Amino acid sequence: MSIAIDKDIPIPAEKKRNIYPYKQMDVGESFFTEGVRVQIMCNLNYRAGKATGKKFIARREGNGVRVWRTA
């Protein structure tokens, strides 16, 4: 078995993280995102809450999800 060694192959760009404004939000503010399931946003809200000490809720709205900071 032979494995080819390649040169000059660029490293793929890192996945974009922290695209949602959790850290900048004040209580009562919200943001809307399209094409994301509610359960995915609830998971992200939980993780952001653990990291920031803030609380968030998500609700389905039209073809997307709206997230509010509650505490």
PDB file of N, CA and C in Angstrom:
ATOM      1  N   MET A   1       0.843  -1.170   0.000  1.00  0.00           N
ATOM      2  CA  MET A   1       0.000   0.000   0.000  1.00  0.00           C
ATOM      3  C   MET A   1       0.892   1.239   0.000  1.00  0.00           C
ATOM      4  N   SER A   2       0.515   2.206  -0.821  1.00  0.00           N
ATOM      5  CA  SER A   2       1.290   3.433  -0.951  1.00  0.00           C
ATOM      6  C   SER A   2       0.380   4.638  -0.717  1.00  0.00           C
ATOM      7  N   ILE A   3       0.850   5.564   0.081  1.00  0.00           N
ATOM      8  CA  ILE A   3       0.091   6.779   0.352  1.00  0.00           C
ATOM      9  C   ILE A   3       0.844   7.950  -0.248  1.00  0.00           C
ATOM     10  N   ALA A   4       0.132   8.725  -1.071  1.00  0.00           N
ATOM     11  CA  ALA A   4       0.754   9.863  -1.741  1.00  0.00           C
ATOM     12  C   ALA A   4       0.921  11.024  -0.768  1.00  0.00           C
ATOM     13  N   ILE A   5       2.012  11.754  -0.919  1.00  0.00           N
ATOM     14  CA  ILE A   5       2.267  12.953  -0.132  1.00  0.00           C
ATOM     15  C   ILE A   5       2.056  14.148  -1.047  1.00  0.00           C
ATOM     16  N   ASP A   6       1.196  15.075  -0.613  1.00  0.00           N
ATOM     17  CA  ASP A   6       0.881  16.253  -1.420  1.00  0.00           C
ATOM     18  C   ASP A   6       1.563  17.481  -0.838  1.00  0.00           C
ATOM     19  N   LYS A   7       1.880  18.429  -1.701  1.00  0.00           N
ATOM     20  CA  LYS A   7       2.462  19.702  -1.286  1.00  0.00           C
ATOM     21  C   LYS A   7       1.549  20.833  -1.735  1.00  0.00           C
ATOM     22  N   ASP A   8       1.669  21.964  -1.092  1.00  0.00           N
ATOM     23  CA  ASP A   8       0.963  23.188  -1.456  1.00  0.00           C
ATOM     24  C   ASP A   8      -0.559  23.055  -1.402  1.00  0.00           C
ATOM     25  N   ILE A   9      -1.059  22.278  -0.468  1.00  0.00           N
ATOM     26  CA  ILE A   9      -2.496  22.183  -0.245  1.00  0.00           C
ATOM     27  C   ILE A   9      -2.808  23.109   0.935  1.00  0.00           C
ATOM     28  N   PRO A  10      -3.623  24.170   0.731  1.00  0.00           N
ATOM     29  CA  PRO A  10      -3.890  25.109   1.819  1.00  0.00           C
ATOM     30  C   PRO A  10      -4.759  24.476   2.915  1.00  0.00           C
ATOM     31  N   ILE A  11      -4.541  24.921   4.138  1.00  0.00           N
ATOM     32  CA  ILE A  11      -5.350  24.467   5.265  1.00  0.00           C
ATOM     33  C   ILE A  11      -6.710  25.147   5.167  1.00  0.00           C
ATOM     34  N   PRO A  12      -7.798  24.404   5.305  1.00  0.00           N
ATOM     35  CA  PRO A  12      -9.132  25.016   5.228  1.00  0.00           C
ATOM     36  C   PRO A  12      -9.324  26.051   6.338  1.00  0.00           C
ATOM     37  N   ALA A  13     -10.111  27.052   6.060  1.00  0.00           N
ATOM     38  CA  ALA A  13     -10.401  28.086   7.049  1.00  0.00           C
ATOM     39  C   ALA A  13     -11.161  27.473   8.219  1.00  0.00           C
ATOM     40  N   GLU A  14     -10.933  28.005   9.408  1.00  0.00           N
ATOM     41  CA  GLU A  14     -11.619  27.517  10.594  1.00  0.00           C
ATOM     42  C   GLU A  14     -13.098  27.876  10.513  1.00  0.00           C
ATOM     43  N   LYS A  15     -13.941  26.996  11.067  1.00  0.00           N
ATOM     44  CA  LYS A  15     -15.372  27.285  11.100  1.00  0.00           C
ATOM     45  C   LYS A  15     -15.607  28.574  11.860  1.00  0.00           C
ATOM     46  N   LYS A  16     -16.531  29.368  11.362  1.00  0.00           N
ATOM     47  CA  LYS A  16     -16.858  30.623  12.017  1.00  0.00           C
ATOM     48  C   LYS A  16     -17.611  30.329  13.305  1.00  0.00           C
ATOM     49  N   ARG A  17     -17.088  30.820  14.415  1.00  0.00           N
ATOM     50  CA  ARG A  17     -17.716  30.600  15.708  1.00  0.00           C
ATOM     51  C   ARG A  17     -18.173  31.922  16.287  1.00  0.00           C
ATOM     52  N   ASN A  18     -19.015  31.831  17.282  1.00  0.00           N
ATOM     53  CA  ASN A  18     -19.514  33.020  17.969  1.00  0.00           C
ATOM     54  C   ASN A  18     -20.170  33.996  17.013  1.00  0.00           C
ATOM     55  N   ILE A  19     -21.006  33.472  16.116  1.00  0.00           N
ATOM     56  CA  ILE A  19     -21.662  34.366  15.169  1.00  0.00           C
ATOM     57  C   ILE A  19     -22.894  35.021  15.773  1.00  0.00           C
ATOM     58  N   TYR A  20     -23.334  34.536  16.947  1.00  0.00           N
ATOM     59  CA  TYR A  20     -24.501  35.117  17.595  1.00  0.00           C
ATOM     60  C   TYR A  20     -24.039  36.066  18.700  1.00  0.00           C
ATOM     61  N   PRO A  21     -24.770  37.173  18.915  1.00  0.00           N
ATOM     62  CA  PRO A  21     -24.301  38.241  19.819  1.00  0.00           C
ATOM     63  C   PRO A  21     -24.648  38.031  21.297  1.00  0.00           C
ATOM     64  N   TYR A  22     -24.454  36.835  21.826  1.00  0.00           N
ATOM     65  CA  TYR A  22     -24.824  36.555  23.208  1.00  0.00           C
ATOM     66  C   TYR A  22     -24.141  37.497  24.200  1.00  0.00           C
ATOM     67  N   LYS A  23     -22.856  37.725  24.048  1.00  0.00           N
ATOM     68  CA  LYS A  23     -22.100  38.525  25.019  1.00  0.00           C
ATOM     69  C   LYS A  23     -22.518  39.989  25.037  1.00  0.00           C
ATOM     70  N   GLN A  24     -22.977  40.511  23.915  1.00  0.00           N
ATOM     71  CA  GLN A  24     -23.319  41.927  23.820  1.00  0.00           C
ATOM     72  C   GLN A  24     -24.755  42.243  24.262  1.00  0.00           C
ATOM     73  N   MET A  25     -25.573  41.212  24.471  1.00  0.00           N
ATOM     74  CA  MET A  25     -27.002  41.432  24.724  1.00  0.00           C
ATOM     75  C   MET A  25     -27.276  41.874  26.150  1.00  0.00           C
ATOM     76  N   ASP A  26     -28.249  42.802  26.283  1.00  0.00           N
ATOM     77  CA  ASP A  26     -28.774  43.209  27.575  1.00  0.00           C
ATOM     78  C   ASP A  26     -30.129  42.535  27.780  1.00  0.00           C
ATOM     79  N   VAL A  27     -30.598  42.517  29.016  1.00  0.00           N
ATOM     80  CA  VAL A  27     -31.892  41.905  29.329  1.00  0.00           C
ATOM     81  C   VAL A  27     -32.981  42.586  28.498  1.00  0.00           C
ATOM     82  N   GLY A  28     -33.835  41.764  27.869  1.00  0.00           N
ATOM     83  CA  GLY A  28     -34.929  42.268  27.042  1.00  0.00           C
ATOM     84  C   GLY A  28     -34.593  42.381  25.569  1.00  0.00           C
ATOM     85  N   GLU A  29     -33.321  42.292  25.207  1.00  0.00           N
ATOM     86  CA  GLU A  29     -32.929  42.353  23.790  1.00  0.00           C
ATOM     87  C   GLU A  29     -33.057  40.977  23.159  1.00  0.00           C
ATOM     88  N   SER A  30     -33.202  40.964  21.834  1.00  0.00           N
ATOM     89  CA  SER A  30     -33.343  39.698  21.118  1.00  0.00           C
ATOM     90  C   SER A  30     -32.649  39.777  19.769  1.00  0.00           C
ATOM     91  N   PHE A  31     -32.452  38.604  19.168  1.00  0.00           N
ATOM     92  CA  PHE A  31     -31.980  38.531  17.783  1.00  0.00           C
ATOM     93  C   PHE A  31     -32.748  37.434  17.070  1.00  0.00           C
ATOM     94  N   PHE A  32     -32.811  37.539  15.747  1.00  0.00           N
ATOM     95  CA  PHE A  32     -33.536  36.582  14.909  1.00  0.00           C
ATOM     96  C   PHE A  32     -32.551  35.918  13.961  1.00  0.00           C
ATOM     97  N   THR A  33     -32.714  34.614  13.774  1.00  0.00           N
ATOM     98  CA  THR A  33     -31.880  33.889  12.817  1.00  0.00           C
ATOM     99  C   THR A  33     -32.763  32.946  12.000  1.00  0.00           C
ATOM    100  N   GLU A  34     -32.514  32.887  10.700  1.00  0.00           N
ATOM    101  CA  GLU A  34     -33.309  32.042   9.805  1.00  0.00           C
ATOM    102  C   GLU A  34     -32.625  30.707   9.564  1.00  0.00           C
ATOM    103  N   GLY A  35     -33.448  29.710   9.249  1.00  0.00           N
ATOM    104  CA  GLY A  35     -32.931  28.416   8.818  1.00  0.00           C
ATOM    105  C   GLY A  35     -32.278  27.590   9.908  1.00  0.00           C
ATOM    106  N   VAL A  36     -32.599  27.866  11.166  1.00  0.00           N
ATOM    107  CA  VAL A  36     -32.041  27.101  12.278  1.00  0.00           C
ATOM    108  C   VAL A  36     -33.202  26.518  13.075  1.00  0.00           C
ATOM    109  N   ARG A  37     -33.057  25.275  13.517  1.00  0.00           N
ATOM    110  CA  ARG A  37     -34.108  24.647  14.311  1.00  0.00           C
ATOM    111  C   ARG A  37     -34.085  25.180  15.736  1.00  0.00           C
ATOM    112  N   VAL A  38     -35.234  25.188  16.377  1.00  0.00           N
ATOM    113  CA  VAL A  38     -35.356  25.672  17.750  1.00  0.00           C
ATOM    114  C   VAL A  38     -34.442  24.877  18.679  1.00  0.00           C
ATOM    115  N   GLN A  39     -34.404  23.567  18.528  1.00  0.00           N
ATOM    116  CA  GLN A  39     -33.594  22.735  19.424  1.00  0.00           C
ATOM    117  C   GLN A  39     -32.115  23.091  19.327  1.00  0.00           C
ATOM    118  N   ILE A  40     -31.637  23.397  18.141  1.00  0.00           N
ATOM    119  CA  ILE A  40     -30.234  23.797  17.970  1.00  0.00           C
ATOM    120  C   ILE A  40     -29.980  25.092  18.732  1.00  0.00           C
ATOM    121  N   MET A  41     -30.890  26.061  18.608  1.00  0.00           N
ATOM    122  CA  MET A  41     -30.710  27.336  19.297  1.00  0.00           C
ATOM    123  C   MET A  41     -30.816  27.159  20.813  1.00  0.00           C
ATOM    124  N   CYS A  42     -31.678  26.257  21.273  1.00  0.00           N
ATOM    125  CA  CYS A  42     -31.772  26.000  22.711  1.00  0.00           C
ATOM    126  C   CYS A  42     -30.452  25.448  23.243  1.00  0.00           C
ATOM    127  N   ASN A  43     -29.829  24.570  22.488  1.00  0.00           N
ATOM    128  CA  ASN A  43     -28.526  24.043  22.883  1.00  0.00           C
ATOM    129  C   ASN A  43     -27.475  25.152  22.919  1.00  0.00           C
ATOM    130  N   LEU A  44     -27.478  26.010  21.902  1.00  0.00           N
ATOM    131  CA  LEU A  44     -26.536  27.133  21.876  1.00  0.00           C
ATOM    132  C   LEU A  44     -26.810  28.094  23.032  1.00  0.00           C
ATOM    133  N   ASN A  45     -28.092  28.333  23.337  1.00  0.00           N
ATOM    134  CA  ASN A  45     -28.451  29.202  24.452  1.00  0.00           C
ATOM    135  C   ASN A  45     -27.909  28.653  25.767  1.00  0.00           C
ATOM    136  N   TYR A  46     -28.042  27.354  25.960  1.00  0.00           N
ATOM    137  CA  TYR A  46     -27.561  26.718  27.181  1.00  0.00           C
ATOM    138  C   TYR A  46     -26.050  26.915  27.322  1.00  0.00           C
ATOM    139  N   ARG A  47     -25.330  26.649  26.241  1.00  0.00           N
ATOM    140  CA  ARG A  47     -23.869  26.779  26.272  1.00  0.00           C
ATOM    141  C   ARG A  47     -23.436  28.223  26.477  1.00  0.00           C
ATOM    142  N   ALA A  48     -24.125  29.154  25.810  1.00  0.00           N
ATOM    143  CA  ALA A  48     -23.808  30.573  25.973  1.00  0.00           C
ATOM    144  C   ALA A  48     -24.121  31.026  27.396  1.00  0.00           C
ATOM    145  N   GLY A  49     -25.196  30.522  27.962  1.00  0.00           N
ATOM    146  CA  GLY A  49     -25.556  30.868  29.330  1.00  0.00           C
ATOM    147  C   GLY A  49     -24.517  30.396  30.328  1.00  0.00           C
ATOM    148  N   LYS A  50     -24.010  29.185  30.130  1.00  0.00           N
ATOM    149  CA  LYS A  50     -22.955  28.658  30.998  1.00  0.00           C
ATOM    150  C   LYS A  50     -21.688  29.500  30.890  1.00  0.00           C
ATOM    151  N   ALA A  51     -21.355  29.922  29.688  1.00  0.00           N
ATOM    152  CA  ALA A  51     -20.129  30.679  29.456  1.00  0.00           C
ATOM    153  C   ALA A  51     -20.221  32.126  29.935  1.00  0.00           C
ATOM    154  N   THR A  52     -21.419  32.717  29.887  1.00  0.00           N
ATOM    155  CA  THR A  52     -21.563  34.140  30.193  1.00  0.00           C
ATOM    156  C   THR A  52     -22.265  34.426  31.514  1.00  0.00           C
ATOM    157  N   GLY A  53     -22.932  33.429  32.085  1.00  0.00           N
ATOM    158  CA  GLY A  53     -23.691  33.647  33.306  1.00  0.00           C
ATOM    159  C   GLY A  53     -25.022  34.344  33.051  1.00  0.00           C
ATOM    160  N   LYS A  54     -25.470  34.364  31.804  1.00  0.00           N
ATOM    161  CA  LYS A  54     -26.730  35.002  31.425  1.00  0.00           C
ATOM    162  C   LYS A  54     -27.754  33.925  31.084  1.00  0.00           C
ATOM    163  N   LYS A  55     -29.026  34.306  30.956  1.00  0.00           N
ATOM    164  CA  LYS A  55     -30.088  33.355  30.597  1.00  0.00           C
ATOM    165  C   LYS A  55     -30.745  33.792  29.297  1.00  0.00           C
ATOM    166  N   PHE A  56     -31.053  32.796  28.447  1.00  0.00           N
ATOM    167  CA  PHE A  56     -31.644  33.044  27.138  1.00  0.00           C
ATOM    168  C   PHE A  56     -32.783  32.062  26.894  1.00  0.00           C
ATOM    169  N   ILE A  57     -33.791  32.497  26.112  1.00  0.00           N
ATOM    170  CA  ILE A  57     -34.832  31.586  25.662  1.00  0.00           C
ATOM    171  C   ILE A  57     -34.995  31.754  24.149  1.00  0.00           C
ATOM    172  N   ALA A  58     -35.477  30.708  23.493  1.00  0.00           N
ATOM    173  CA  ALA A  58     -35.678  30.726  22.040  1.00  0.00           C
ATOM    174  C   ALA A  58     -37.100  30.307  21.721  1.00  0.00           C
ATOM    175  N   ARG A  59     -37.678  30.963  20.730  1.00  0.00           N
ATOM    176  CA  ARG A  59     -39.017  30.615  20.252  1.00  0.00           C
ATOM    177  C   ARG A  59     -39.031  30.661  18.729  1.00  0.00           C
ATOM    178  N   ARG A  60     -39.788  29.739  18.149  1.00  0.00           N
ATOM    179  CA  ARG A  60     -39.972  29.711  16.707  1.00  0.00           C
ATOM    180  C   ARG A  60     -40.696  30.970  16.270  1.00  0.00           C
ATOM    181  N   GLU A  61     -40.264  31.557  15.172  1.00  0.00           N
ATOM    182  CA  GLU A  61     -40.909  32.751  14.634  1.00  0.00           C
ATOM    183  C   GLU A  61     -40.808  32.699  13.110  1.00  0.00           C
ATOM    184  N   GLY A  62     -41.928  32.495  12.444  1.00  0.00           N
ATOM    185  CA  GLY A  62     -41.916  32.407  10.980  1.00  0.00           C
ATOM    186  C   GLY A  62     -41.035  31.260  10.509  1.00  0.00           C
ATOM    187  N   ASN A  63     -40.051  31.568   9.679  1.00  0.00           N
ATOM    188  CA  ASN A  63     -39.154  30.529   9.152  1.00  0.00           C
ATOM    189  C   ASN A  63     -37.819  30.512   9.894  1.00  0.00           C
ATOM    190  N   GLY A  64     -37.798  31.008  11.119  1.00  0.00           N
ATOM    191  CA  GLY A  64     -36.561  31.037  11.892  1.00  0.00           C
ATOM    192  C   GLY A  64     -36.829  30.954  13.376  1.00  0.00           C
ATOM    193  N   VAL A  65     -35.864  31.450  14.139  1.00  0.00           N
ATOM    194  CA  VAL A  65     -35.936  31.397  15.592  1.00  0.00           C
ATOM    195  C   VAL A  65     -35.517  32.754  16.150  1.00  0.00           C
ATOM    196  N   ARG A  66     -36.248  33.235  17.170  1.00  0.00           N
ATOM    197  CA  ARG A  66     -35.869  34.456  17.868  1.00  0.00           C
ATOM    198  C   ARG A  66     -35.371  34.060  19.258  1.00  0.00           C
ATOM    199  N   VAL A  67     -34.250  34.682  19.678  1.00  0.00           N
ATOM    200  CA  VAL A  67     -33.648  34.430  20.985  1.00  0.00           C
ATOM    201  C   VAL A  67     -33.670  35.709  21.803  1.00  0.00           C
ATOM    202  N   TRP A  68     -34.149  35.610  23.050  1.00  0.00           N
ATOM    203  CA  TRP A  68     -34.190  36.746  23.970  1.00  0.00           C
ATOM    204  C   TRP A  68     -33.253  36.488  25.135  1.00  0.00           C
ATOM    205  N   ARG A  69     -32.656  37.560  25.634  1.00  0.00           N
ATOM    206  CA  ARG A  69     -31.936  37.455  26.909  1.00  0.00           C
ATOM    207  C   ARG A  69     -32.938  37.781  27.996  1.00  0.00           C
ATOM    208  N   THR A  70     -33.072  36.880  28.989  1.00  0.00           N
ATOM    209  CA  THR A  70     -34.074  37.058  30.035  1.00  0.00           C
ATOM    210  C   THR A  70     -33.472  37.429  31.387  1.00  0.00           C
ATOM    211  N   ALA A  71     -32.213  37.144  31.611  1.00  0.00           N
ATOM    212  CA  ALA A  71     -31.572  37.496  32.888  1.00  0.00           C
ATOM    213  C   ALA A  71     -30.084  37.622  32.704  1.00  0.00           C
TER     214      ALA A  71
END
